[in-house]
């Protein structure tokens, strides 16, 4: 599915901000969410999202990152995991 199938609101305000916050919690680098540039989703036993995220660095410069988030929402388990958050190439 492409970004047009996924709710832009969900990508922007939920997954992207969550991925950036999870990254910042570990690295404490002061990145702030700016925008979602692109998103993909793959649904298997978990839902896998690949997001191209714009962020503002502490020095005020824009930067692009690629985040991968796994999300599982079963009746007995609800979990979200940041798999990667790297500078976009």
Protein backbone atom coordinates (compact mmCIF):
# COMPACT_ATOMS: atom_id res chain seq x y z
CA UNK A 1 0.00 0.00 0.00
CA UNK A 2 1.16 3.53 -0.69
CA UNK A 3 0.89 6.65 1.41
CA UNK A 4 -2.42 7.57 -0.26
CA UNK A 5 -3.95 4.39 1.21
CA UNK A 6 -2.59 5.07 4.68
CA UNK A 7 -4.05 7.88 6.71
CA UNK A 8 -1.67 10.85 6.43
CA UNK A 9 -2.86 11.95 9.87
CA UNK A 10 -1.84 8.59 11.36
CA UNK A 11 1.61 8.72 9.73
CA UNK A 12 2.29 12.31 10.69
CA UNK A 13 0.96 12.57 14.20
CA UNK A 14 1.28 9.04 15.46
CA UNK A 15 3.93 6.86 13.87
CA UNK A 16 6.37 9.52 12.70
CA UNK A 17 6.37 11.48 15.93
CA UNK A 18 6.57 8.25 17.91
CA UNK A 19 9.57 7.04 15.85
CA UNK A 20 11.35 10.36 16.29
CA UNK A 21 10.63 10.40 20.04
CA UNK A 22 11.88 6.81 20.41
CA UNK A 23 15.09 7.74 18.56
CA UNK A 24 15.60 10.91 20.60
CA UNK A 25 15.01 9.04 23.87
CA UNK A 26 18.01 6.81 23.07
CA UNK A 27 20.34 9.32 21.39
CA UNK A 28 19.23 12.58 23.07
CA UNK A 29 20.17 14.54 19.94
CA UNK A 30 17.36 17.11 20.12
CA UNK A 31 15.69 16.28 16.79
CA UNK A 32 12.20 17.79 16.39
CA UNK A 33 9.51 16.48 14.04
CA UNK A 34 8.97 18.48 10.87
CA UNK A 35 7.02 16.42 8.32
CA UNK A 36 6.41 13.05 6.69
CA UNK A 37 7.91 12.91 3.23
CA UNK A 38 6.89 9.38 2.23
CA UNK A 39 5.42 6.24 3.77
CA UNK A 40 4.95 2.59 2.90
CA UNK A 41 3.24 -0.20 4.77
CA UNK A 42 3.54 -3.98 4.55
CA UNK A 43 1.06 -6.17 6.38
CA UNK A 44 2.08 -9.68 7.44
CA UNK A 45 2.02 -11.03 11.02
CA UNK A 46 3.04 -7.50 12.05
CA UNK A 47 2.52 -4.22 10.23
CA UNK A 48 5.80 -2.81 8.95
CA UNK A 49 6.03 0.91 8.15
CA UNK A 50 8.88 2.62 6.31
CA UNK A 51 8.73 6.38 6.73
CA UNK A 52 10.84 9.18 5.30
CA UNK A 53 10.70 11.83 8.01
CA UNK A 54 11.84 15.45 7.95
CA UNK A 55 13.26 16.74 11.24
CA UNK A 56 14.90 19.87 12.60
CA UNK A 57 18.30 19.40 14.22
CA UNK A 58 19.45 21.35 17.27
CA UNK A 59 21.36 23.73 14.98
CA UNK A 60 18.05 24.60 13.25
CA UNK A 61 18.92 22.84 9.97
CA UNK A 62 16.51 20.50 8.21
CA UNK A 63 17.48 16.85 7.97
CA UNK A 64 15.84 13.76 6.44
CA UNK A 65 15.69 10.37 8.12
CA UNK A 66 14.30 6.97 7.24
CA UNK A 67 12.44 5.19 10.04
CA UNK A 68 11.21 1.62 10.11
CA UNK A 69 8.49 0.79 12.65
CA UNK A 70 6.92 -2.59 13.39
CA UNK A 71 3.46 -2.57 14.93
CA UNK A 72 1.51 -5.53 16.24
CA UNK A 73 -2.09 -5.21 17.35
CA UNK A 74 -3.51 -8.56 18.33
CA UNK A 75 -6.23 -9.10 20.90
CA UNK A 76 -3.67 -10.22 23.50
CA UNK A 77 -0.63 -8.15 22.40
CA UNK A 78 -0.27 -4.53 21.35
CA UNK A 79 3.29 -3.50 20.66
CA UNK A 80 5.26 -1.00 18.61
CA UNK A 81 9.00 -1.23 17.93
CA UNK A 82 11.41 1.19 16.30
CA UNK A 83 13.57 -1.05 14.12
CA UNK A 84 15.74 1.67 12.61
CA UNK A 85 16.04 5.45 12.38
CA UNK A 86 18.87 6.53 10.10
CA UNK A 87 19.84 9.55 8.03
CA UNK A 88 18.25 9.26 4.58
CA UNK A 89 20.65 8.44 1.79
